């Protein structure tokens, strides 16, 4: 982290293909499980 010089441990999980509910319709997306230090984030993307 260039703002404060802290070093963070990050673990990026494999991409998982998922479907997200959008007003009753399925939207294909990718989910990544990312752990930053001890906090787990789910990041959802569709392409870029």
ModelCIF file with pLDDT and N, C-alpha, C, O atoms, coordinates in Angstrom:
data_MODEL
#
_entry.id   MODEL 
#
_entity.id                         1 
_entity.type                       polymer 
_entity.pdbx_number_of_molecules   1 
#
_entity_poly.entity_id                      1 
_entity_poly.type                           'polypeptide(L)' 
_entity_poly.nstd_linkage                   no 
_entity_poly.nstd_monomer                   no 
_entity_poly.pdbx_seq_one_letter_code       
;(UNK)(UNK)(UNK)(UNK)(UNK)(UNK)(UNK)(UNK)(UNK)(UNK)(UNK)(UNK)(UNK)(UNK)(UNK)(UNK)
(UNK)(UNK)(UNK)(UNK)(UNK)(UNK)(UNK)(UNK)(UNK)(UNK)(UNK)(UNK)(UNK)(UNK)(UNK)(UNK)
(UNK)(UNK)(UNK)(UNK)(UNK)(UNK)(UNK)(UNK)(UNK)(UNK)(UNK)(UNK)(UNK)(UNK)(UNK)(UNK)
;
_entity_poly.pdbx_seq_one_letter_code_can   XXXXXXXXXXXXXXXXXXXXXXXXXXXXXXXXXXXXXXXXXXXXXXXX 
_entity_poly.pdbx_strand_id                 A 
#
loop_
_entity_poly_seq.entity_id 
_entity_poly_seq.num 
_entity_poly_seq.mon_id 
_entity_poly_seq.hetero 
1 1  UNK n 
1 2  UNK n 
1 3  UNK n 
1 4  UNK n 
1 5  UNK n 
1 6  UNK n 
1 7  UNK n 
1 8  UNK n 
1 9  UNK n 
1 10 UNK n 
1 11 UNK n 
1 12 UNK n 
1 13 UNK n 
1 14 UNK n 
1 15 UNK n 
1 16 UNK n 
1 17 UNK n 
1 18 UNK n 
1 19 UNK n 
1 20 UNK n 
1 21 UNK n 
1 22 UNK n 
1 23 UNK n 
1 24 UNK n 
1 25 UNK n 
1 26 UNK n 
1 27 UNK n 
1 28 UNK n 
1 29 UNK n 
1 30 UNK n 
1 31 UNK n 
1 32 UNK n 
1 33 UNK n 
1 34 UNK n 
1 35 UNK n 
1 36 UNK n 
1 37 UNK n 
1 38 UNK n 
1 39 UNK n 
1 40 UNK n 
1 41 UNK n 
1 42 UNK n 
1 43 UNK n 
1 44 UNK n 
1 45 UNK n 
1 46 UNK n 
1 47 UNK n 
1 48 UNK n 
#
_struct_asym.id          A 
_struct_asym.entity_id   1 
#
loop_
_ma_qa_metric.id 
_ma_qa_metric.mode 
_ma_qa_metric.name 
_ma_qa_metric.software_group_id 
_ma_qa_metric.type 
1 global pLDDT . pLDDT 
2 local  pLDDT . pLDDT 
#
_ma_qa_metric_global.metric_id      1 
_ma_qa_metric_global.metric_value   90.81 
_ma_qa_metric_global.model_id       1 
_ma_qa_metric_global.ordinal_id     1 
#
loop_
_ma_qa_metric_local.label_asym_id 
_ma_qa_metric_local.label_comp_id 
_ma_qa_metric_local.label_seq_id 
_ma_qa_metric_local.metric_id 
_ma_qa_metric_local.metric_value 
_ma_qa_metric_local.model_id 
_ma_qa_metric_local.ordinal_id 
A UNK 1  2 80.00 1 1  
A UNK 2  2 81.00 1 2  
A UNK 3  2 82.00 1 3  
A UNK 4  2 86.00 1 4  
A UNK 5  2 87.00 1 5  
A UNK 6  2 87.00 1 6  
A UNK 7  2 89.00 1 7  
A UNK 8  2 86.00 1 8  
A UNK 9  2 87.00 1 9  
A UNK 10 2 85.00 1 10 
A UNK 11 2 89.00 1 11 
A UNK 12 2 87.00 1 12 
A UNK 13 2 89.00 1 13 
A UNK 14 2 88.00 1 14 
A UNK 15 2 89.00 1 15 
A UNK 16 2 94.00 1 16 
A UNK 17 2 97.00 1 17 
A UNK 18 2 97.00 1 18 
A UNK 19 2 98.00 1 19 
A UNK 20 2 97.00 1 20 
A UNK 21 2 96.00 1 21 
A UNK 22 2 95.00 1 22 
A UNK 23 2 93.00 1 23 
A UNK 24 2 92.00 1 24 
A UNK 25 2 95.00 1 25 
A UNK 26 2 96.00 1 26 
A UNK 27 2 96.00 1 27 
A UNK 28 2 97.00 1 28 
A UNK 29 2 97.00 1 29 
A UNK 30 2 95.00 1 30 
A UNK 31 2 95.00 1 31 
A UNK 32 2 92.00 1 32 
A UNK 33 2 93.00 1 33 
A UNK 34 2 90.00 1 34 
A UNK 35 2 90.00 1 35 
A UNK 36 2 86.00 1 36 
A UNK 37 2 88.00 1 37 
A UNK 38 2 87.00 1 38 
A UNK 39 2 90.00 1 39 
A UNK 40 2 92.00 1 40 
A UNK 41 2 92.00 1 41 
A UNK 42 2 95.00 1 42 
A UNK 43 2 93.00 1 43 
A UNK 44 2 96.00 1 44 
A UNK 45 2 93.00 1 45 
A UNK 46 2 92.00 1 46 
A UNK 47 2 86.00 1 47 
A UNK 48 2 82.00 1 48 
#
loop_
_atom_site.group_PDB 
_atom_site.id 
_atom_site.type_symbol 
_atom_site.label_atom_id 
_atom_site.label_alt_id 
_atom_site.label_comp_id 
_atom_site.label_asym_id 
_atom_site.label_entity_id 
_atom_site.label_seq_id 
_atom_site.pdbx_PDB_ins_code 
_atom_site.Cartn_x 
_atom_site.Cartn_y 
_atom_site.Cartn_z 
_atom_site.occupancy 
_atom_site.B_iso_or_equiv 
_atom_site.pdbx_formal_charge 
_atom_site.auth_seq_id 
_atom_site.auth_comp_id 
_atom_site.auth_asym_id 
_atom_site.auth_atom_id 
_atom_site.pdbx_PDB_model_num 
ATOM 1   N N  . UNK A 1 1  ? 0.870   -1.167  0.000   1.00 80.00 ? 1  UNK A N  1 
ATOM 2   C CA . UNK A 1 1  ? 0.000   0.000   0.000   1.00 80.00 ? 1  UNK A CA 1 
ATOM 3   C C  . UNK A 1 1  ? 0.910   1.221   0.000   1.00 80.00 ? 1  UNK A C  1 
ATOM 4   O O  . UNK A 1 1  ? 1.519   1.545   1.020   1.00 80.00 ? 1  UNK A O  1 
ATOM 5   N N  . UNK A 1 2  ? 1.006   1.898   -1.136  1.00 81.00 ? 2  UNK A N  1 
ATOM 6   C CA . UNK A 1 2  ? 1.944   3.015   -1.257  1.00 81.00 ? 2  UNK A CA 1 
ATOM 7   C C  . UNK A 1 2  ? 1.529   4.219   -0.418  1.00 81.00 ? 2  UNK A C  1 
ATOM 8   O O  . UNK A 1 2  ? 2.338   5.118   -0.188  1.00 81.00 ? 2  UNK A O  1 
ATOM 9   N N  . UNK A 1 3  ? 0.282   4.247   0.040   1.00 82.00 ? 3  UNK A N  1 
ATOM 10  C CA . UNK A 1 3  ? -0.161  5.383   0.847   1.00 82.00 ? 3  UNK A CA 1 
ATOM 11  C C  . UNK A 1 3  ? 0.443   5.370   2.236   1.00 82.00 ? 3  UNK A C  1 
ATOM 12  O O  . UNK A 1 3  ? 0.746   6.423   2.796   1.00 82.00 ? 3  UNK A O  1 
ATOM 13  N N  . UNK A 1 4  ? 0.623   4.166   2.802   1.00 86.00 ? 4  UNK A N  1 
ATOM 14  C CA . UNK A 1 4  ? 1.139   4.104   4.188   1.00 86.00 ? 4  UNK A CA 1 
ATOM 15  C C  . UNK A 1 4  ? 2.291   3.118   4.350   1.00 86.00 ? 4  UNK A C  1 
ATOM 16  O O  . UNK A 1 4  ? 2.803   2.955   5.458   1.00 86.00 ? 4  UNK A O  1 
ATOM 17  N N  . UNK A 1 5  ? 2.705   2.465   3.283   1.00 87.00 ? 5  UNK A N  1 
ATOM 18  C CA . UNK A 1 5  ? 3.835   1.536   3.354   1.00 87.00 ? 5  UNK A CA 1 
ATOM 19  C C  . UNK A 1 5  ? 3.499   0.162   3.909   1.00 87.00 ? 5  UNK A C  1 
ATOM 20  O O  . UNK A 1 5  ? 4.394   -0.663  4.092   1.00 87.00 ? 5  UNK A O  1 
ATOM 21  N N  . UNK A 1 6  ? 2.226   -0.099  4.180   1.00 87.00 ? 6  UNK A N  1 
ATOM 22  C CA . UNK A 1 6  ? 1.821   -1.399  4.733   1.00 87.00 ? 6  UNK A CA 1 
ATOM 23  C C  . UNK A 1 6  ? 1.863   -2.471  3.642   1.00 87.00 ? 6  UNK A C  1 
ATOM 24  O O  . UNK A 1 6  ? 1.540   -2.214  2.482   1.00 87.00 ? 6  UNK A O  1 
ATOM 25  N N  . UNK A 1 7  ? 2.266   -3.667  4.038   1.00 89.00 ? 7  UNK A N  1 
ATOM 26  C CA . UNK A 1 7  ? 2.265   -4.806  3.126   1.00 89.00 ? 7  UNK A CA 1 
ATOM 27  C C  . UNK A 1 7  ? 1.109   -5.713  3.516   1.00 89.00 ? 7  UNK A C  1 
ATOM 28  O O  . UNK A 1 7  ? 0.963   -6.093  4.678   1.00 89.00 ? 7  UNK A O  1 
ATOM 29  N N  . UNK A 1 8  ? 0.291   -6.056  2.527   1.00 86.00 ? 8  UNK A N  1 
ATOM 30  C CA . UNK A 1 8  ? -0.884  -6.880  2.764   1.00 86.00 ? 8  UNK A CA 1 
ATOM 31  C C  . UNK A 1 8  ? -0.721  -8.233  2.084   1.00 86.00 ? 8  UNK A C  1 
ATOM 32  O O  . UNK A 1 8  ? -0.243  -8.321  0.953   1.00 86.00 ? 8  UNK A O  1 
ATOM 33  N N  . UNK A 1 9  ? -1.125  -9.281  2.790   1.00 87.00 ? 9  UNK A N  1 
ATOM 34  C CA . UNK A 1 9  ? -1.132  -10.632 2.215   1.00 87.00 ? 9  UNK A CA 1 
ATOM 35  C C  . UNK A 1 9  ? -2.442  -10.806 1.464   1.00 87.00 ? 9  UNK A C  1 
ATOM 36  O O  . UNK A 1 9  ? -3.518  -10.545 2.003   1.00 87.00 ? 9  UNK A O  1 
ATOM 37  N N  . UNK A 1 10 ? -2.345  -11.247 0.219   1.00 85.00 ? 10 UNK A N  1 
ATOM 38  C CA . UNK A 1 10 ? -3.510  -11.397 -0.640  1.00 85.00 ? 10 UNK A CA 1 
ATOM 39  C C  . UNK A 1 10 ? -3.526  -12.806 -1.203  1.00 85.00 ? 10 UNK A C  1 
ATOM 40  O O  . UNK A 1 10 ? -2.496  -13.320 -1.638  1.00 85.00 ? 10 UNK A O  1 
ATOM 41  N N  . UNK A 1 11 ? -4.697  -13.429 -1.195  1.00 89.00 ? 11 UNK A N  1 
ATOM 42  C CA . UNK A 1 11 ? -4.867  -14.745 -1.800  1.00 89.00 ? 11 UNK A CA 1 
ATOM 43  C C  . UNK A 1 11 ? -6.021  -14.642 -2.792  1.00 89.00 ? 11 UNK A C  1 
ATOM 44  O O  . UNK A 1 11 ? -7.157  -14.377 -2.400  1.00 89.00 ? 11 UNK A O  1 
ATOM 45  N N  . UNK A 1 12 ? -5.731  -14.851 -4.070  1.00 87.00 ? 12 UNK A N  1 
ATOM 46  C CA . UNK A 1 12 ? -6.742  -14.758 -5.115  1.00 87.00 ? 12 UNK A CA 1 
ATOM 47  C C  . UNK A 1 12 ? -7.159  -16.169 -5.502  1.00 87.00 ? 12 UNK A C  1 
ATOM 48  O O  . UNK A 1 12 ? -6.337  -16.973 -5.941  1.00 87.00 ? 12 UNK A O  1 
ATOM 49  N N  . UNK A 1 13 ? -8.448  -16.460 -5.334  1.00 89.00 ? 13 UNK A N  1 
ATOM 50  C CA . UNK A 1 13 ? -8.972  -17.779 -5.681  1.00 89.00 ? 13 UNK A CA 1 
ATOM 51  C C  . UNK A 1 13 ? -9.224  -17.913 -7.177  1.00 89.00 ? 13 UNK A C  1 
ATOM 52  O O  . UNK A 1 13 ? -9.160  -16.935 -7.921  1.00 89.00 ? 13 UNK A O  1 
ATOM 53  N N  . UNK A 1 14 ? -9.508  -19.126 -7.601  1.00 88.00 ? 14 UNK A N  1 
ATOM 54  C CA . UNK A 1 14 ? -9.804  -19.404 -9.004  1.00 88.00 ? 14 UNK A CA 1 
ATOM 55  C C  . UNK A 1 14 ? -11.132 -18.772 -9.410  1.00 88.00 ? 14 UNK A C  1 
ATOM 56  O O  . UNK A 1 14 ? -12.015 -18.551 -8.581  1.00 88.00 ? 14 UNK A O  1 
ATOM 57  N N  . UNK A 1 15 ? -11.249 -18.492 -10.681 1.00 89.00 ? 15 UNK A N  1 
ATOM 58  C CA . UNK A 1 15 ? -12.490 -17.941 -11.224 1.00 89.00 ? 15 UNK A CA 1 
ATOM 59  C C  . UNK A 1 15 ? -13.583 -19.006 -11.172 1.00 89.00 ? 15 UNK A C  1 
ATOM 60  O O  . UNK A 1 15 ? -13.343 -20.168 -11.498 1.00 89.00 ? 15 UNK A O  1 
ATOM 61  N N  . UNK A 1 16 ? -14.782 -18.602 -10.763 1.00 94.00 ? 16 UNK A N  1 
ATOM 62  C CA . UNK A 1 16 ? -15.947 -19.489 -10.771 1.00 94.00 ? 16 UNK A CA 1 
ATOM 63  C C  . UNK A 1 16 ? -17.017 -18.847 -11.648 1.00 94.00 ? 16 UNK A C  1 
ATOM 64  O O  . UNK A 1 16 ? -17.305 -17.658 -11.516 1.00 94.00 ? 16 UNK A O  1 
ATOM 65  N N  . UNK A 1 17 ? -17.602 -19.639 -12.540 1.00 97.00 ? 17 UNK A N  1 
ATOM 66  C CA . UNK A 1 17 ? -18.700 -19.153 -13.378 1.00 97.00 ? 17 UNK A CA 1 
ATOM 67  C C  . UNK A 1 17 ? -19.983 -19.204 -12.551 1.00 97.00 ? 17 UNK A C  1 
ATOM 68  O O  . UNK A 1 17 ? -20.333 -20.255 -12.014 1.00 97.00 ? 17 UNK A O  1 
ATOM 69  N N  . UNK A 1 18 ? -20.685 -18.075 -12.447 1.00 97.00 ? 18 UNK A N  1 
ATOM 70  C CA . UNK A 1 18 ? -21.920 -17.998 -11.665 1.00 97.00 ? 18 UNK A CA 1 
ATOM 71  C C  . UNK A 1 18 ? -22.987 -17.299 -12.487 1.00 97.00 ? 18 UNK A C  1 
ATOM 72  O O  . UNK A 1 18 ? -22.719 -16.758 -13.560 1.00 97.00 ? 18 UNK A O  1 
ATOM 73  N N  . UNK A 1 19 ? -24.196 -17.323 -11.963 1.00 98.00 ? 19 UNK A N  1 
ATOM 74  C CA . UNK A 1 19 ? -25.293 -16.574 -12.554 1.00 98.00 ? 19 UNK A CA 1 
ATOM 75  C C  . UNK A 1 19 ? -25.863 -15.667 -11.471 1.00 98.00 ? 19 UNK A C  1 
ATOM 76  O O  . UNK A 1 19 ? -26.097 -16.096 -10.341 1.00 98.00 ? 19 UNK A O  1 
ATOM 77  N N  . UNK A 1 20 ? -26.081 -14.413 -11.832 1.00 97.00 ? 20 UNK A N  1 
ATOM 78  C CA . UNK A 1 20 ? -26.655 -13.438 -10.907 1.00 97.00 ? 20 UNK A CA 1 
ATOM 79  C C  . UNK A 1 20 ? -28.085 -13.143 -11.307 1.00 97.00 ? 20 UNK A C  1 
ATOM 80  O O  . UNK A 1 20 ? -28.400 -13.046 -12.493 1.00 97.00 ? 20 UNK A O  1 
ATOM 81  N N  . UNK A 1 21 ? -28.948 -12.999 -10.318 1.00 96.00 ? 21 UNK A N  1 
ATOM 82  C CA . UNK A 1 21 ? -30.350 -12.700 -10.546 1.00 96.00 ? 21 UNK A CA 1 
ATOM 83  C C  . UNK A 1 21 ? -30.508 -11.208 -10.844 1.00 96.00 ? 21 UNK A C  1 
ATOM 84  O O  . UNK A 1 21 ? -30.144 -10.360 -10.030 1.00 96.00 ? 21 UNK A O  1 
ATOM 85  N N  . UNK A 1 22 ? -31.054 -10.903 -12.022 1.00 95.00 ? 22 UNK A N  1 
ATOM 86  C CA . UNK A 1 22 ? -31.336 -9.521  -12.399 1.00 95.00 ? 22 UNK A CA 1 
ATOM 87  C C  . UNK A 1 22 ? -32.798 -9.461  -12.808 1.00 95.00 ? 22 UNK A C  1 
ATOM 88  O O  . UNK A 1 22 ? -33.166 -9.814  -13.928 1.00 95.00 ? 22 UNK A O  1 
ATOM 89  N N  . UNK A 1 23 ? -33.614 -9.008  -11.881 1.00 93.00 ? 23 UNK A N  1 
ATOM 90  C CA . UNK A 1 23 ? -35.053 -8.883  -12.130 1.00 93.00 ? 23 UNK A CA 1 
ATOM 91  C C  . UNK A 1 23 ? -35.651 -10.179 -12.663 1.00 93.00 ? 23 UNK A C  1 
ATOM 92  O O  . UNK A 1 23 ? -36.444 -10.162 -13.604 1.00 93.00 ? 23 UNK A O  1 
ATOM 93  N N  . UNK A 1 24 ? -35.268 -11.306 -12.056 1.00 92.00 ? 24 UNK A N  1 
ATOM 94  C CA . UNK A 1 24 ? -35.806 -12.600 -12.418 1.00 92.00 ? 24 UNK A CA 1 
ATOM 95  C C  . UNK A 1 24 ? -35.101 -13.298 -13.569 1.00 92.00 ? 24 UNK A C  1 
ATOM 96  O O  . UNK A 1 24 ? -35.472 -14.414 -13.933 1.00 92.00 ? 24 UNK A O  1 
ATOM 97  N N  . UNK A 1 25 ? -34.103 -12.669 -14.142 1.00 95.00 ? 25 UNK A N  1 
ATOM 98  C CA . UNK A 1 25 ? -33.349 -13.271 -15.242 1.00 95.00 ? 25 UNK A CA 1 
ATOM 99  C C  . UNK A 1 25 ? -31.930 -13.575 -14.794 1.00 95.00 ? 25 UNK A C  1 
ATOM 100 O O  . UNK A 1 25 ? -31.391 -12.888 -13.926 1.00 95.00 ? 25 UNK A O  1 
ATOM 101 N N  . UNK A 1 26 ? -31.323 -14.595 -15.378 1.00 96.00 ? 26 UNK A N  1 
ATOM 102 C CA . UNK A 1 26 ? -29.967 -15.009 -15.005 1.00 96.00 ? 26 UNK A CA 1 
ATOM 103 C C  . UNK A 1 26 ? -28.939 -14.265 -15.857 1.00 96.00 ? 26 UNK A C  1 
ATOM 104 O O  . UNK A 1 26 ? -29.003 -14.292 -17.086 1.00 96.00 ? 26 UNK A O  1 
ATOM 105 N N  . UNK A 1 27 ? -28.001 -13.608 -15.197 1.00 96.00 ? 27 UNK A N  1 
ATOM 106 C CA . UNK A 1 27 ? -26.914 -12.899 -15.859 1.00 96.00 ? 27 UNK A CA 1 
ATOM 107 C C  . UNK A 1 27 ? -25.619 -13.668 -15.608 1.00 96.00 ? 27 UNK A C  1 
ATOM 108 O O  . UNK A 1 27 ? -25.204 -13.803 -14.457 1.00 96.00 ? 27 UNK A O  1 
ATOM 109 N N  . UNK A 1 28 ? -24.965 -14.179 -16.668 1.00 97.00 ? 28 UNK A N  1 
ATOM 110 C CA . UNK A 1 28 ? -23.707 -14.888 -16.447 1.00 97.00 ? 28 UNK A CA 1 
ATOM 111 C C  . UNK A 1 28 ? -22.622 -13.935 -15.947 1.00 97.00 ? 28 UNK A C  1 
ATOM 112 O O  . UNK A 1 28 ? -22.518 -12.798 -16.408 1.00 97.00 ? 28 UNK A O  1 
ATOM 113 N N  . UNK A 1 29 ? -21.827 -14.410 -15.009 1.00 97.00 ? 29 UNK A N  1 
ATOM 114 C CA . UNK A 1 29 ? -20.762 -13.590 -14.433 1.00 97.00 ? 29 UNK A CA 1 
ATOM 115 C C  . UNK A 1 29 ? -19.649 -14.496 -13.921 1.00 97.00 ? 29 UNK A C  1 
ATOM 116 O O  . UNK A 1 29 ? -19.782 -15.720 -13.892 1.00 97.00 ? 29 UNK A O  1 
ATOM 117 N N  . UNK A 1 30 ? -18.564 -13.872 -13.523 1.00 95.00 ? 30 UNK A N  1 
ATOM 118 C CA . UNK A 1 30 ? -17.436 -14.583 -12.915 1.00 95.00 ? 30 UNK A CA 1 
ATOM 119 C C  . UNK A 1 30 ? -17.316 -14.116 -11.471 1.00 95.00 ? 30 UNK A C  1 
ATOM 120 O O  . UNK A 1 30 ? -17.472 -12.931 -11.175 1.00 95.00 ? 30 UNK A O  1 
ATOM 121 N N  . UNK A 1 31 ? -17.036 -15.063 -10.571 1.00 95.00 ? 31 UNK A N  1 
ATOM 122 C CA . UNK A 1 31 ? -16.840 -14.716 -9.168  1.00 95.00 ? 31 UNK A CA 1 
ATOM 123 C C  . UNK A 1 31 ? -15.423 -15.128 -8.779  1.00 95.00 ? 31 UNK A C  1 
ATOM 124 O O  . UNK A 1 31 ? -14.975 -16.237 -9.071  1.00 95.00 ? 31 UNK A O  1 
ATOM 125 N N  . UNK A 1 32 ? -14.741 -14.216 -8.119  1.00 92.00 ? 32 UNK A N  1 
ATOM 126 C CA . UNK A 1 32 ? -13.411 -14.484 -7.568  1.00 92.00 ? 32 UNK A CA 1 
ATOM 127 C C  . UNK A 1 32 ? -13.491 -14.296 -6.064  1.00 92.00 ? 32 UNK A C  1 
ATOM 128 O O  . UNK A 1 32 ? -14.042 -13.306 -5.583  1.00 92.00 ? 32 UNK A O  1 
ATOM 129 N N  . UNK A 1 33 ? -12.948 -15.236 -5.332  1.00 93.00 ? 33 UNK A N  1 
ATOM 130 C CA . UNK A 1 33 ? -12.836 -15.098 -3.885  1.00 93.00 ? 33 UNK A CA 1 
ATOM 131 C C  . UNK A 1 33 ? -11.431 -14.561 -3.609  1.00 93.00 ? 33 UNK A C  1 
ATOM 132 O O  . UNK A 1 33 ? -10.434 -15.193 -3.959  1.00 93.00 ? 33 UNK A O  1 
ATOM 133 N N  . UNK A 1 34 ? -11.367 -13.410 -2.991  1.00 90.00 ? 34 UNK A N  1 
ATOM 134 C CA . UNK A 1 34 ? -10.092 -12.758 -2.706  1.00 90.00 ? 34 UNK A CA 1 
ATOM 135 C C  . UNK A 1 34 ? -10.005 -12.502 -1.212  1.00 90.00 ? 34 UNK A C  1 
ATOM 136 O O  . UNK A 1 34 ? -10.896 -11.888 -0.625  1.00 90.00 ? 34 UNK A O  1 
ATOM 137 N N  . UNK A 1 35 ? -8.926  -12.977 -0.600  1.00 90.00 ? 35 UNK A N  1 
ATOM 138 C CA . UNK A 1 35 ? -8.688  -12.723 0.816   1.00 90.00 ? 35 UNK A CA 1 
ATOM 139 C C  . UNK A 1 35 ? -7.589  -11.688 0.935   1.00 90.00 ? 35 UNK A C  1 
ATOM 140 O O  . UNK A 1 35 ? -6.486  -11.884 0.426   1.00 90.00 ? 35 UNK A O  1 
ATOM 141 N N  . UNK A 1 36 ? -7.887  -10.592 1.603   1.00 86.00 ? 36 UNK A N  1 
ATOM 142 C CA . UNK A 1 36 ? -6.909  -9.540  1.863   1.00 86.00 ? 36 UNK A CA 1 
ATOM 143 C C  . UNK A 1 36 ? -6.697  -9.516  3.369   1.00 86.00 ? 36 UNK A C  1 
ATOM 144 O O  . UNK A 1 36 ? -7.608  -9.204  4.135   1.00 86.00 ? 36 UNK A O  1 
ATOM 145 N N  . UNK A 1 37 ? -5.467  -9.854  3.782   1.00 88.00 ? 37 UNK A N  1 
ATOM 146 C CA . UNK A 1 37 ? -5.166  -10.068 5.191   1.00 88.00 ? 37 UNK A CA 1 
ATOM 147 C C  . UNK A 1 37 ? -6.132  -11.135 5.700   1.00 88.00 ? 37 UNK A C  1 
ATOM 148 O O  . UNK A 1 37 ? -5.987  -12.299 5.327   1.00 88.00 ? 37 UNK A O  1 
ATOM 149 N N  . UNK A 1 38 ? -7.111  -10.789 6.535   1.00 87.00 ? 38 UNK A N  1 
ATOM 150 C CA . UNK A 1 38 ? -8.051  -11.786 7.043   1.00 87.00 ? 38 UNK A CA 1 
ATOM 151 C C  . UNK A 1 38 ? -9.479  -11.572 6.541   1.00 87.00 ? 38 UNK A C  1 
ATOM 152 O O  . UNK A 1 38 ? -10.395 -12.274 6.970   1.00 87.00 ? 38 UNK A O  1 
ATOM 153 N N  . UNK A 1 39 ? -9.674  -10.619 5.645   1.00 90.00 ? 39 UNK A N  1 
ATOM 154 C CA . UNK A 1 39 ? -11.015 -10.316 5.158   1.00 90.00 ? 39 UNK A CA 1 
ATOM 155 C C  . UNK A 1 39 ? -11.252 -10.956 3.792   1.00 90.00 ? 39 UNK A C  1 
ATOM 156 O O  . UNK A 1 39 ? -10.442 -10.807 2.877   1.00 90.00 ? 39 UNK A O  1 
ATOM 157 N N  . UNK A 1 40 ? -12.369 -11.668 3.667   1.00 92.00 ? 40 UNK A N  1 
ATOM 158 C CA . UNK A 1 40 ? -12.710 -12.348 2.413   1.00 92.00 ? 40 UNK A CA 1 
ATOM 159 C C  . UNK A 1 40 ? -13.674 -11.476 1.617   1.00 92.00 ? 40 UNK A C  1 
ATOM 160 O O  . UNK A 1 40 ? -14.700 -11.030 2.130   1.00 92.00 ? 40 UNK A O  1 
ATOM 161 N N  . UNK A 1 41 ? -13.326 -11.243 0.355   1.00 92.00 ? 41 UNK A N  1 
ATOM 162 C CA . UNK A 1 41 ? -14.167 -10.485 -0.568  1.00 92.00 ? 41 UNK A CA 1 
ATOM 163 C C  . UNK A 1 41 ? -14.590 -11.398 -1.711  1.00 92.00 ? 41 UNK A C  1 
ATOM 164 O O  . UNK A 1 41 ? -13.807 -12.230 -2.169  1.00 92.00 ? 41 UNK A O  1 
ATOM 165 N N  . UNK A 1 42 ? -15.805 -11.246 -2.162  1.00 95.00 ? 42 UNK A N  1 
ATOM 166 C CA . UNK A 1 42 ? -16.273 -11.900 -3.375  1.00 95.00 ? 42 UNK A CA 1 
ATOM 167 C C  . UNK A 1 42 ? -16.359 -10.802 -4.425  1.00 95.00 ? 42 UNK A C  1 
ATOM 168 O O  . UNK A 1 42 ? -17.092 -9.828  -4.257  1.00 95.00 ? 42 UNK A O  1 
ATOM 169 N N  . UNK A 1 43 ? -15.607 -10.963 -5.507  1.00 93.00 ? 43 UNK A N  1 
ATOM 170 C CA . UNK A 1 43 ? -15.588 -9.959  -6.571  1.00 93.00 ? 43 UNK A CA 1 
ATOM 171 C C  . UNK A 1 43 ? -16.292 -10.553 -7.781  1.00 93.00 ? 43 UNK A C  1 
ATOM 172 O O  . UNK A 1 43 ? -15.954 -11.642 -8.243  1.00 93.00 ? 43 UNK A O  1 
ATOM 173 N N  . UNK A 1 44 ? -17.282 -9.815  -8.290  1.00 96.00 ? 44 UNK A N  1 
ATOM 174 C CA . UNK A 1 44 ? -18.094 -10.278 -9.414  1.00 96.00 ? 44 UNK A CA 1 
ATOM 175 C C  . UNK A 1 44 ? -17.778 -9.428  -10.635 1.00 96.00 ? 44 UNK A C  1 
ATOM 176 O O  . UNK A 1 44 ? -17.802 -8.199  -10.583 1.00 96.00 ? 44 UNK A O  1 
ATOM 177 N N  . UNK A 1 45 ? -17.481 -10.117 -11.742 1.00 93.00 ? 45 UNK A N  1 
ATOM 178 C CA . UNK A 1 45 ? -17.131 -9.446  -12.988 1.00 93.00 ? 45 UNK A CA 1 
ATOM 179 C C  . UNK A 1 45 ? -17.875 -10.095 -14.153 1.00 93.00 ? 45 UNK A C  1 
ATOM 180 O O  . UNK A 1 45 ? -18.326 -11.238 -14.073 1.00 93.00 ? 45 UNK A O  1 
ATOM 181 N N  . UNK A 1 46 ? -17.983 -9.339  -15.219 1.00 92.00 ? 46 UNK A N  1 
ATOM 182 C CA . UNK A 1 46 ? -18.450 -9.872  -16.487 1.00 92.00 ? 46 UNK A CA 1 
ATOM 183 C C  . UNK A 1 46 ? -17.487 -9.315  -17.532 1.00 92.00 ? 46 UNK A C  1 
ATOM 184 O O  . UNK A 1 46 ? -17.589 -8.158  -17.941 1.00 92.00 ? 46 UNK A O  1 
ATOM 185 N N  . UNK A 1 47 ? -16.547 -10.167 -17.957 1.00 86.00 ? 47 UNK A N  1 
ATOM 186 C CA . UNK A 1 47 ? -15.486 -9.687  -18.838 1.00 86.00 ? 47 UNK A CA 1 
ATOM 187 C C  . UNK A 1 47 ? -14.634 -8.665  -18.106 1.00 86.00 ? 47 UNK A C  1 
ATOM 188 O O  . UNK A 1 47 ? -14.110 -8.945  -17.028 1.00 86.00 ? 47 UNK A O  1 
ATOM 189 N N  . UNK A 1 48 ? -14.494 -7.490  -18.684 1.00 82.00 ? 48 UNK A N  1 
ATOM 190 C CA . UNK A 1 48 ? -13.704 -6.419  -18.062 1.00 82.00 ? 48 UNK A CA 1 
ATOM 191 C C  . UNK A 1 48 ? -14.519 -5.556  -17.111 1.00 82.00 ? 48 UNK A C  1 
ATOM 192 O O  . UNK A 1 48 ? -13.987 -4.619  -16.517 1.00 82.00 ? 48 UNK A O  1 
#
